[in-house]
Amino acid sequence: MYRVVLFGYNFKHKKSEDFLHILSKNSVKVVAFIGANSVKINRNEKIYNKNIPRLIIYHPKQLCDKYQIPFFESVHNSKTTRKIIEDTKANLGIISGARIISNDIIDMFKYGIINFHPGQIPLASGLDGFFWSIYKGISPYVTTHLIDKKIDAGEIIFSEKVPLKIDDRIEDIRHRISLIENNELEKICDKFLLKNKKIKSKPISDYISANRSMGPNKQREVLKKFEEWKRNIIYYK
């Protein structure tokens, strides 16, 4: 039987909220939600920050209380987190929000840790996956995969192409990506967790390295390329 730890944040966060709802609805045994506090990250400023508003109703702790899921405030890569995993006998991790998880934490899970990446791995692995997809002229994807010591390089479980519409804005596609991530978690529940079946995955053969945070000049190039990229994906790929 799967015993899940959900990695998320200790503040209101839409993906954490959605994932808690989905796992509870599917009666998945979540033995702990580990919420990391907000920290300042040294990464490039975003040139384009528009998003479709999605109402966040609950703090993760409120939902954990509602669904009787033990809530812990902890740095994900810490002795406290190791003890939580040991004490709860967790065997599968799922990421709704996290920074890079260390190898010693990954190795504690018999069945690994699942991540949902907004890009085609390995071409759009790493930070800013959607923008790198545009920059490289490739289709947008959501890749569901197991994490390992490299960034976005673990074995792939599902790879779902994101459909585009000719009048899409960047924020429309971002919104669709987040909805597909939710659907992919539903698939994980239906195909594996609820049936207590082994999670099937396949290795990546051509991984080199993950993309870094995209700098402002490349971001501006992406904004200029967006409409042409979108037409090429819709009509020719």
Protein backbone atom coordinates (compact mmCIF):
# COMPACT_ATOMS: atom_id res chain seq x y z
CA MET A 1 0.00 0.00 0.00
CA TYR A 2 1.25 3.46 -0.89
CA ARG A 3 1.92 5.82 2.01
CA VAL A 4 2.35 9.30 0.56
CA VAL A 5 4.22 12.36 1.76
CA LEU A 6 3.12 15.52 -0.06
CA PHE A 7 5.87 18.15 -0.31
CA GLY A 8 4.45 21.68 -0.44
CA TYR A 9 4.67 25.09 1.17
CA ASN A 10 3.70 26.61 4.48
CA PHE A 11 1.67 29.39 2.87
CA LYS A 12 -1.33 29.64 0.58
CA HIS A 13 -0.37 27.95 -2.67
CA LYS A 14 -2.77 26.90 -5.40
CA LYS A 15 -1.02 23.70 -6.51
CA SER A 16 -0.72 22.48 -2.91
CA GLU A 17 -4.41 23.21 -2.38
CA ASP A 18 -5.42 21.40 -5.59
CA PHE A 19 -3.24 18.36 -4.85
CA LEU A 20 -4.62 18.00 -1.32
CA HIS A 21 -8.17 18.04 -2.70
CA ILE A 22 -7.34 15.48 -5.40
CA LEU A 23 -5.53 13.05 -3.11
CA SER A 24 -8.27 13.25 -0.49
CA LYS A 25 -11.03 12.82 -3.07
CA ASN A 26 -9.31 9.66 -4.29
CA SER A 27 -8.85 8.34 -0.74
CA VAL A 28 -5.07 8.14 -1.13
CA LYS A 29 -3.28 7.55 2.17
CA VAL A 30 -1.37 10.79 2.77
CA VAL A 31 0.69 10.26 5.92
CA ALA A 32 2.19 13.77 5.99
CA PHE A 33 2.15 17.17 4.33
CA ILE A 34 5.55 18.81 4.75
CA GLY A 35 5.27 22.58 4.28
CA ALA A 36 8.42 24.60 3.70
CA ASN A 37 8.47 28.29 4.58
CA SER A 38 8.97 30.98 1.96
CA VAL A 39 12.59 31.87 1.23
CA LYS A 40 14.18 34.42 -1.06
CA ILE A 41 15.51 32.77 -4.22
CA ASN A 42 18.33 34.25 -6.27
CA ARG A 43 16.96 33.94 -9.79
CA ASN A 44 16.29 36.17 -12.78
CA GLU A 45 13.44 38.64 -12.64
CA LYS A 46 10.36 37.74 -14.67
CA ILE A 47 9.66 40.11 -17.56
CA TYR A 48 6.15 38.74 -18.10
CA ASN A 49 4.17 38.02 -14.94
CA LYS A 50 0.57 37.91 -16.14
CA ASN A 51 -1.49 34.96 -14.95
CA ILE A 52 -5.15 34.04 -14.95
CA PRO A 53 -6.30 34.60 -11.35
CA ARG A 54 -7.12 31.37 -9.51
CA LEU A 55 -8.73 31.85 -6.13
CA ILE A 56 -6.78 30.24 -3.30
CA ILE A 57 -9.19 29.53 -0.46
CA TYR A 58 -7.27 27.48 2.08
CA HIS A 59 -3.88 27.47 3.71
CA PRO A 60 -2.50 23.90 3.41
CA LYS A 61 -2.74 23.41 7.19
CA GLN A 62 -6.46 24.19 7.08
CA LEU A 63 -6.99 21.55 4.43
CA CYS A 64 -4.83 19.06 6.29
CA ASP A 65 -6.96 19.60 9.39
CA LYS A 66 -10.10 19.14 7.29
CA TYR A 67 -8.84 15.92 5.70
CA GLN A 68 -7.09 14.63 8.84
CA ILE A 69 -3.64 14.72 7.24
CA PRO A 70 -0.71 15.36 9.60
CA PHE A 71 0.81 18.76 8.79
CA PHE A 72 4.46 19.55 9.47
CA GLU A 73 6.36 22.80 9.00
CA SER A 74 9.86 21.82 7.93
CA VAL A 75 12.67 22.58 5.53
CA HIS A 76 12.41 19.81 2.97
CA ASN A 77 16.10 18.90 3.12
CA SER A 78 16.49 18.57 6.88
CA LYS A 79 16.84 16.11 9.75
CA THR A 80 13.28 16.98 10.78
CA THR A 81 11.98 15.90 7.37
CA ARG A 82 14.00 12.68 7.55
CA LYS A 83 12.44 11.89 10.91
CA ILE A 84 8.93 12.61 9.59
CA ILE A 85 9.49 10.18 6.71
CA GLU A 86 10.86 7.52 9.06
CA ASP A 87 8.12 7.94 11.67
CA THR A 88 5.28 7.84 9.13
CA LYS A 89 6.79 4.89 7.20
CA ALA A 90 6.21 6.85 3.98
CA ASN A 91 7.17 5.06 0.77
CA LEU A 92 6.16 7.56 -1.96
CA GLY A 93 6.66 11.30 -2.26
CA ILE A 94 4.64 13.70 -4.41
CA ILE A 95 5.68 17.30 -5.07
CA SER A 96 3.09 20.07 -5.12
CA GLY A 97 5.74 22.65 -4.35
CA ALA A 98 9.44 22.30 -3.55
CA ARG A 99 12.90 23.41 -4.45
CA ILE A 100 15.59 20.83 -5.25
CA ILE A 101 15.17 17.76 -3.04
CA SER A 102 18.46 16.29 -1.80
CA ASN A 103 19.60 12.76 -2.62
CA ASP A 104 19.38 11.53 0.96
CA ILE A 105 15.69 12.48 1.10
CA ILE A 106 14.97 10.93 -2.32
CA ASP A 107 16.63 7.68 -1.28
CA MET A 108 14.31 7.30 1.71
CA PHE A 109 11.30 6.57 -0.51
CA LYS A 110 10.93 3.00 -1.70
CA TYR A 111 8.84 4.08 -4.69
CA GLY A 112 10.49 7.43 -5.31
CA ILE A 113 9.21 11.00 -5.50
CA ILE A 114 6.88 12.17 -8.28
CA ASN A 115 7.16 15.63 -9.84
CA PHE A 116 5.04 17.40 -12.47
CA HIS A 117 7.19 19.52 -14.77
CA PRO A 118 5.83 22.23 -17.13
CA GLY A 119 7.94 21.23 -20.12
CA GLN A 120 9.16 18.40 -22.30
CA ILE A 121 11.99 16.57 -20.56
CA PRO A 122 14.89 16.73 -21.26
CA LEU A 123 14.65 19.58 -23.81
CA ALA A 124 12.79 21.92 -21.48
CA SER A 125 14.01 20.58 -18.14
CA GLY A 126 15.02 22.85 -15.30
CA LEU A 127 13.71 26.31 -14.52
CA ASP A 128 11.30 28.25 -16.77
CA GLY A 129 10.32 25.12 -18.71
CA PHE A 130 7.48 26.77 -20.62
CA PHE A 131 9.59 29.76 -21.73
CA TRP A 132 12.41 27.45 -22.80
CA SER A 133 9.87 25.53 -24.89
CA ILE A 134 9.06 28.72 -26.78
CA TYR A 135 12.71 29.73 -27.09
CA LYS A 136 13.67 26.32 -28.50
CA GLY A 137 10.64 26.07 -30.79
CA ILE A 138 9.25 22.88 -29.24
CA SER A 139 5.74 21.89 -28.19
CA PRO A 140 4.63 22.61 -24.62
CA TYR A 141 4.25 19.55 -22.40
CA VAL A 142 3.56 18.48 -18.87
CA THR A 143 6.00 15.70 -17.92
CA THR A 144 5.18 13.55 -14.91
CA HIS A 145 8.38 11.93 -13.71
CA LEU A 146 10.33 10.48 -10.82
CA ILE A 147 13.05 12.76 -9.53
CA ASP A 148 16.69 11.77 -9.07
CA LYS A 149 19.96 13.50 -8.21
CA LYS A 150 19.91 15.45 -11.49
CA ILE A 151 17.35 18.19 -12.14
CA ASP A 152 14.28 16.93 -14.06
CA ALA A 153 16.15 13.85 -15.17
CA GLY A 154 14.34 10.98 -13.44
CA GLU A 155 12.33 8.33 -15.26
CA ILE A 156 9.22 9.53 -17.11
CA ILE A 157 5.77 8.26 -16.09
CA PHE A 158 3.53 10.34 -18.38
CA SER A 159 4.21 12.97 -21.05
CA GLU A 160 1.18 15.05 -22.03
CA LYS A 161 1.24 17.58 -24.86
CA VAL A 162 -0.49 20.87 -24.04
CA PRO A 163 -3.08 21.85 -26.69
CA LEU A 164 -2.86 25.37 -28.10
CA LYS A 165 -5.46 27.73 -29.55
CA ILE A 166 -4.69 30.47 -32.05
CA ASP A 167 -5.94 33.21 -29.71
CA ASP A 168 -4.06 31.92 -26.65
CA ARG A 169 -2.05 34.32 -24.57
CA ILE A 170 0.91 33.17 -22.49
CA GLU A 171 -1.23 33.22 -19.36
CA ASP A 172 -3.87 31.03 -21.05
CA ILE A 173 -1.29 28.34 -21.75
CA ARG A 174 0.17 28.58 -18.26
CA HIS A 175 -3.33 28.11 -16.85
CA ARG A 176 -3.90 25.08 -19.08
CA ILE A 177 -0.58 23.60 -17.92
CA SER A 178 -1.67 23.83 -14.28
CA LEU A 179 -4.98 22.11 -15.09
CA ILE A 180 -3.15 19.33 -16.93
CA GLU A 181 -0.87 18.86 -13.90
CA ASN A 182 -4.00 18.24 -11.84
CA ASN A 183 -5.26 15.76 -14.43
CA GLU A 184 -1.93 13.94 -14.37
CA LEU A 185 -2.18 13.53 -10.60
CA GLU A 186 -5.67 12.11 -11.11
CA LYS A 187 -4.14 9.60 -13.56
CA ILE A 188 -1.47 8.64 -11.03
CA CYS A 189 -4.21 7.95 -8.49
CA ASP A 190 -6.39 6.00 -10.92
CA LYS A 191 -3.74 3.90 -12.63
CA PHE A 192 -1.40 3.15 -9.74
CA LEU A 193 -2.20 4.38 -6.25
CA LEU A 194 -5.81 3.22 -5.94
CA LYS A 195 -5.05 -0.15 -7.55
CA ASN A 196 -1.85 -0.57 -5.54
CA LYS A 197 0.04 -1.21 -8.77
CA LYS A 198 3.69 -0.55 -9.45
CA ILE A 199 4.30 2.86 -11.02
CA LYS A 200 5.55 2.30 -14.55
CA SER A 201 8.23 4.62 -15.88
CA LYS A 202 10.91 4.78 -18.55
CA PRO A 203 14.42 6.24 -18.37
CA ILE A 204 15.62 9.32 -20.24
CA SER A 205 18.38 8.39 -22.66
CA ASP A 206 19.51 11.80 -23.96
CA TYR A 207 19.67 13.99 -20.85
CA ILE A 208 22.59 16.44 -20.80
CA SER A 209 21.83 19.16 -18.28
CA ALA A 210 18.90 21.23 -17.04
CA ASN A 211 18.13 24.74 -18.27
CA ARG A 212 18.93 27.57 -15.90
CA SER A 213 16.63 30.42 -14.99
CA MET A 214 16.06 32.39 -18.19
CA GLY A 215 17.70 35.80 -18.28
CA PRO A 216 15.84 38.99 -19.23
CA ASN A 217 17.27 39.24 -22.77
CA LYS A 218 16.15 35.71 -23.68
CA GLN A 219 12.78 36.40 -22.05
CA ARG A 220 12.32 39.37 -24.38
CA GLU A 221 13.21 37.15 -27.34
CA VAL A 222 10.56 34.68 -26.19
CA LEU A 223 7.91 37.40 -26.09
CA LYS A 224 8.82 38.40 -29.67
CA LYS A 225 8.76 34.76 -30.84
CA PHE A 226 5.53 33.79 -29.08
CA GLU A 227 2.98 34.34 -31.86
CA GLU A 228 5.14 32.66 -34.53
CA TRP A 229 5.93 29.78 -32.19
CA LYS A 230 2.26 29.28 -31.43
CA ARG A 231 1.29 29.20 -35.13
CA ASN A 232 4.11 26.75 -35.94
CA ILE A 233 3.02 24.38 -33.16
CA ILE A 234 -0.66 24.55 -34.12
CA TYR A 235 -0.27 24.18 -37.88
CA TYR A 236 2.94 22.27 -38.47
CA LYS A 237 3.67 20.05 -35.46
